[in-house]
Protein backbone atom coordinates (compact mmCIF):
# COMPACT_ATOMS: atom_id res chain seq x y z
CA MET A 1 -13.92 -2.23 33.35
CA SER A 2 -12.44 -4.60 31.19
CA ASN A 3 -15.93 -3.79 28.81
CA LEU A 4 -14.89 -0.43 28.62
CA LEU A 5 -11.81 -0.94 27.84
CA SER A 6 -12.80 -3.06 25.04
CA ALA A 7 -15.45 -0.19 23.75
CA ASN A 8 -12.57 2.69 23.77
CA PHE A 9 -9.75 0.37 21.67
CA TYR A 10 -12.22 -0.81 19.27
CA ARG A 11 -13.08 2.77 19.15
CA LEU A 12 -9.51 3.81 18.89
CA ALA A 13 -8.63 1.26 16.22
CA ARG A 14 -11.55 2.85 14.10
CA CYS A 15 -10.42 5.98 14.80
CA LYS A 16 -8.85 7.73 11.86
CA LEU A 17 -7.08 10.59 13.36
CA PHE A 18 -5.37 8.23 15.69
CA TYR A 19 -3.46 7.01 12.45
CA VAL A 20 -3.18 10.15 11.34
CA LEU A 21 -1.17 11.99 14.40
CA LEU A 22 0.69 8.59 14.16
CA ALA A 23 1.80 9.69 10.74
CA ALA A 24 2.72 12.89 11.68
CA GLN A 25 4.53 11.89 15.17
CA ALA A 26 6.76 10.06 12.58
CA LEU A 27 7.65 12.87 9.99
CA PHE A 28 7.87 14.96 12.88
CA GLU A 29 10.42 12.90 14.52
CA VAL A 30 12.44 12.79 10.84
CA MET A 31 12.72 16.44 10.68
CA LEU A 32 13.71 17.15 14.35
CA VAL A 33 16.35 14.68 13.59
CA GLN A 34 17.17 16.32 9.67
CA SER A 35 17.17 19.83 11.62
CA GLY A 36 20.53 18.84 13.63
CA GLN A 37 22.36 17.76 10.29
CA ALA A 38 24.09 20.89 10.69
CA ASP A 39 24.88 20.73 14.47
CA LEU A 40 25.36 17.07 13.76
CA GLY A 41 28.12 17.64 10.90
CA LEU A 42 30.14 20.51 13.36
CA THR A 43 30.39 18.40 16.62
CA ASN A 44 30.25 15.21 15.70
CA ALA A 45 27.29 14.21 18.01
CA GLY A 46 24.82 11.44 17.72
CA PRO A 47 21.03 11.51 16.87
CA ASP A 48 20.21 11.89 20.37
CA SER A 49 21.17 15.60 20.00
CA SER A 50 17.84 16.50 18.23
CA MET A 51 15.33 13.30 18.80
CA PHE A 52 14.23 13.65 22.26
CA ALA A 53 12.15 16.97 21.56
CA TYR A 54 9.22 15.04 20.12
CA PRO A 55 7.25 15.29 23.48
CA THR A 56 6.50 18.99 22.60
CA TRP A 57 4.46 17.58 19.87
CA SER A 58 3.04 14.81 21.73
CA PHE A 59 1.58 16.86 24.06
CA LEU A 60 -0.38 18.89 21.78
CA MET A 61 -1.65 15.59 19.97
CA VAL A 62 -2.72 14.01 23.44
CA SER A 63 -4.62 17.08 24.32
CA ALA A 64 -6.25 17.07 21.06
CA LEU A 65 -7.09 13.56 20.64
CA CYS A 66 -8.16 13.06 24.42
CA GLY A 67 -10.72 16.05 24.04
CA LEU A 68 -12.12 14.99 20.65
CA PHE A 69 -11.97 10.96 22.16
CA LEU A 70 -12.77 10.96 26.07
CA GLY A 71 -14.74 14.67 25.67
CA SER A 72 -17.49 13.11 23.66
CA GLY A 73 -18.90 10.86 26.56
CA TYR A 74 -20.79 13.88 27.72
CA SER A 75 -22.41 14.95 24.65
CA SER A 76 -23.48 11.78 23.32
CA GLY A 77 -24.64 10.36 26.75
CA THR A 78 -21.87 7.62 26.86
CA PHE A 79 -21.06 8.68 30.33
CA ARG A 80 -24.56 8.14 31.60
CA ASN A 81 -25.52 5.18 29.83
CA GLN A 82 -22.12 3.32 31.54
CA MET A 83 -23.32 4.48 34.66
CA ILE A 84 -26.95 3.32 34.13
CA CYS A 85 -25.65 -0.32 33.11
CA GLY A 86 -23.76 -0.45 36.40
CA ARG A 87 -19.93 0.97 36.18
CA SER A 88 -18.94 3.51 38.16
CA ARG A 89 -17.34 6.49 37.94
CA SER A 90 -13.98 5.49 38.86
CA GLN A 91 -13.85 2.26 36.64
CA ILE A 92 -15.31 5.02 33.93
CA TYR A 93 -12.65 7.37 34.35
CA LEU A 94 -9.89 4.94 35.00
CA ALA A 95 -10.60 3.00 31.53
CA ASN A 96 -10.37 6.48 29.60
CA TRP A 97 -7.64 7.34 31.33
CA ILE A 98 -5.53 4.05 30.58
CA THR A 99 -6.97 4.56 26.88
CA ALA A 100 -4.97 8.11 26.90
CA LEU A 101 -1.90 7.19 28.23
CA PHE A 102 -1.96 4.15 26.03
CA VAL A 103 -2.11 6.86 23.22
CA ALA A 104 0.87 8.55 24.82
CA LEU A 105 2.89 5.61 24.86
CA CYS A 106 1.73 4.93 20.99
CA LEU A 107 3.04 8.66 20.00
CA GLY A 108 6.39 8.15 22.31
CA LEU A 109 7.04 4.78 20.75
CA THR A 110 6.73 5.86 17.10
CA ALA A 111 8.71 8.89 17.18
CA GLU A 112 11.55 6.97 19.44
CA LEU A 113 11.61 4.37 17.36
CA VAL A 114 11.42 6.49 14.01
CA GLY A 115 14.32 8.62 15.59
CA ALA A 116 16.41 5.73 16.59
CA VAL A 117 16.40 3.94 13.12
CA TYR A 118 16.99 6.97 10.85
CA GLY A 119 18.87 8.52 12.89
CA LEU A 120 21.53 5.51 13.39
CA ALA A 121 20.74 5.28 9.58
CA ALA A 122 21.70 8.62 9.19
CA TRP A 123 24.27 10.30 11.79
CA GLY A 124 25.68 7.22 12.92
CA PRO A 125 26.05 6.00 16.60
CA PHE A 126 24.68 7.44 19.67
CA GLN A 127 26.47 10.05 21.40
CA LEU A 128 24.75 8.74 24.81
CA GLU A 129 25.38 5.18 25.60
CA GLY A 130 24.57 1.82 27.76
CA TRP A 131 22.32 3.22 30.96
CA GLU A 132 22.27 6.72 30.46
CA LEU A 133 20.51 6.25 26.75
CA ALA A 134 18.15 3.85 28.16
CA GLY A 135 17.41 6.26 30.78
CA TYR A 136 16.74 9.25 28.31
CA PHE A 137 14.20 6.90 26.52
CA LEU A 138 12.70 6.03 28.81
CA GLY A 139 12.43 9.03 30.56
CA THR A 140 11.49 10.98 27.66
CA LEU A 141 8.40 8.38 27.63
CA GLY A 142 7.73 8.99 30.97
CA THR A 143 7.09 13.31 29.82
CA VAL A 144 4.96 11.89 27.03
CA VAL A 145 2.83 9.61 29.95
CA ALA A 146 2.40 12.63 32.39
CA GLY A 147 1.46 14.79 30.12
CA ALA A 148 -1.83 12.17 28.79
CA SER A 149 -2.11 11.82 32.29
CA LEU A 150 -2.97 16.12 33.14
CA ALA A 151 -5.20 15.80 29.30
CA ALA A 152 -7.27 13.19 30.51
CA ALA A 153 -7.83 15.21 33.44
CA PHE A 154 -8.98 18.31 31.87
CA SER A 155 -11.13 15.89 29.09
CA MET A 156 -12.96 14.02 31.97
CA SER A 157 -13.32 17.24 34.02
CA ILE A 158 -14.88 19.65 31.49
CA SER A 159 -18.41 18.76 30.36
CA ASN A 160 -17.76 21.10 27.03
CA ARG A 161 -15.48 19.25 24.52
CA SER A 162 -14.56 22.31 22.91
CA ALA A 163 -13.59 24.23 26.02
CA ALA A 164 -11.42 20.90 27.19
CA ILE A 165 -9.50 20.81 24.17
CA VAL A 166 -8.52 24.61 23.96
CA ALA A 167 -8.32 24.93 28.08
CA SER A 168 -5.63 21.55 27.64
CA LEU A 169 -3.75 23.11 24.42
CA LEU A 170 -3.22 26.40 26.81
CA VAL A 171 -2.37 24.59 29.83
CA PHE A 172 0.42 22.76 27.67
CA VAL A 173 1.37 25.83 25.75
CA VAL A 174 1.71 28.12 29.29
CA LEU A 175 3.46 24.66 30.92
CA LEU A 176 6.33 24.78 28.05
CA PHE A 177 7.18 28.50 28.63
CA LEU A 178 7.18 28.17 32.09
CA GLY A 179 9.30 25.02 31.80
CA GLN A 180 11.85 26.90 29.90
CA ILE A 181 12.00 29.86 32.05
CA VAL A 182 12.34 27.27 35.27
CA SER A 183 15.17 25.26 33.21
CA VAL A 184 17.30 28.45 32.53
CA LEU A 185 16.77 29.64 36.47
CA ILE A 186 17.60 26.31 37.85
CA ALA A 187 21.01 25.96 36.00
CA GLU A 188 22.28 29.55 36.88
CA PRO A 189 25.50 28.49 38.69
CA PRO A 190 25.73 30.31 42.38
CA THR A 191 28.68 32.44 41.40
CA VAL A 192 30.41 33.70 38.11
CA PRO A 193 33.42 34.99 36.68
CA PRO A 194 33.43 38.89 36.88
CA MET A 195 33.13 40.98 33.84
CA GLU A 196 36.19 42.95 32.78
CA GLU A 197 35.79 45.72 29.94
CA VAL A 198 38.11 45.41 26.71
CA GLN A 199 38.16 48.43 24.70
CA LEU A 200 38.92 47.67 21.05
CA GLY A 201 39.16 50.46 19.15
CA ASN A 202 35.67 52.29 19.42
CA ILE A 203 34.27 49.44 20.61
CA THR A 204 34.03 48.67 24.01
CA MET A 205 33.09 45.25 24.98
CA TYR A 206 32.63 42.55 28.62
CA GLN A 207 34.04 39.29 28.61
CA PRO A 208 34.60 37.39 31.64
CA ASN A 209 37.78 37.15 33.99
CA TYR A 210 38.33 33.54 34.19
CA ASP A 211 41.66 34.26 36.88
CA ALA A 212 40.01 36.94 39.60
CA PRO A 213 37.77 35.03 42.05
CA GLU A 214 34.13 34.30 41.05
CA VAL A 215 31.62 36.76 42.29
CA PRO A 216 27.84 36.09 43.10
CA ASN A 217 25.58 35.32 40.36
CA PRO A 218 22.48 37.59 40.26
CA SER A 219 20.58 35.41 38.01
CA TYR A 220 20.60 32.97 41.00
CA VAL A 221 17.36 32.29 42.55
CA GLY A 222 18.20 31.04 45.91
CA GLY A 223 16.33 31.34 49.58
CA PRO A 224 12.78 30.24 50.20
CA LEU A 225 12.08 30.52 46.06
CA ARG A 226 14.94 27.98 45.61
CA PHE A 227 12.78 24.84 46.51
CA PRO A 228 9.71 25.48 44.86
CA LEU A 229 11.12 26.34 41.99
CA GLU A 230 13.50 22.80 42.31
CA VAL A 231 9.99 21.17 42.41
CA ALA A 232 8.14 23.02 39.27
CA ALA A 233 12.11 21.79 37.48
CA TYR A 234 11.68 17.99 38.42
CA LEU A 235 8.23 17.13 38.44
CA LEU A 236 6.23 19.54 35.55
CA PRO A 237 6.76 17.29 32.52
CA THR A 238 7.34 20.13 30.34
CA SER A 239 10.18 21.16 32.67
CA GLN A 240 11.88 17.56 32.30
CA TYR A 241 11.53 17.94 28.51
CA PHE A 242 14.06 20.78 28.27
CA GLN A 243 16.53 18.61 30.32
CA PHE A 244 16.42 15.63 27.75
CA VAL A 245 15.93 17.99 24.61
CA ASN A 246 19.14 19.80 25.95
CA LEU A 247 20.72 16.02 27.25
CA ALA A 248 21.69 17.59 30.54
CA ALA A 249 19.16 15.33 32.66
CA GLU A 250 21.72 14.15 35.23
CA ASN A 251 19.44 11.75 36.68
CA PRO A 252 16.89 10.60 33.98
CA TRP A 253 15.63 7.33 35.77
CA GLY A 254 15.05 9.63 38.88
CA LEU A 255 13.03 12.02 36.39
CA PHE A 256 10.93 9.22 34.92
CA GLY A 257 9.87 7.98 38.87
CA LEU A 258 8.62 11.70 39.26
CA SER A 259 6.67 11.69 36.03
CA MET A 260 5.01 8.71 37.30
CA LEU A 261 4.40 10.89 40.74
CA PHE A 262 2.86 13.60 38.35
CA THR A 263 1.06 10.87 36.81
CA ALA A 264 -0.24 9.93 39.85
CA LEU A 265 -1.46 12.81 41.42
CA THR A 266 -3.36 14.70 38.07
CA THR A 267 -4.94 11.14 38.00
CA ALA A 268 -6.38 11.50 41.64
CA VAL A 269 -7.12 15.17 40.94
CA GLY A 270 -9.19 14.05 37.65
CA LEU A 271 -10.69 10.73 39.60
CA VAL A 272 -11.96 13.55 42.74
CA ILE A 273 -13.57 16.29 39.96
CA PHE A 274 -15.05 13.31 38.16
CA GLN A 275 -16.58 12.00 41.01
CA LYS A 276 -18.61 15.48 41.65
CA LYS A 277 -19.39 16.14 37.62
CA ASP A 278 -23.15 16.18 36.45
CA VAL A 279 -23.57 13.23 33.80
CA LYS A 280 -26.90 13.96 32.84
């Protein structure tokens, strides 16, 4: 498999799009940190208040690059020729999967390095400290790696390169919306303070009464739906993303472990599908 990896990295080193995406990732990260200027000034927070939003761009970039770079193996006959030379389907898939993860790591590390250096220089120290900060750096990087594993599965499972890119991008967009909805629902408490009516002249307003006993929260999802909701909230990389970007991840190291589980699951599914693909 080393020869397959060498060939992939040789192509990647000469891929102009790869360097364009790295530069774009660095620029987007500067823009993200810069966009938090008002909040940083008001709350005296650190650069980590906005720098962990980079996976949004990374998901889309990895999808595009995987579709163009890996998906060409069908149309160019590369997969067929590699199999004729004695390479197994598992070796071909894993070589491309490692390449996709390498791309994701490059994008993620570029964003984190640029965000940390620029944020520290422009806004001062981080809000998070020590082990928790390290967990956020590693956990956010884990979401990008998990996303790359999913993008690789699409690129290796769909013969048409354009269809693979479109399908992968659409799935990530849908997962981002789903992740946001799941994150909001999972954060709802089971009980909330009751609302009381307040009359201000001709205006009627409602505000929570914190002195009264709390009442059941109608937005809280319980019962049998709670378990699948929690699985989606902690396993999907797009759901984890919203926890990291909002600095709401209580156990970032645990989320990193779940990202690796998601990576393993998508890799296994992709391998099974690729084993049955017609590469002729």
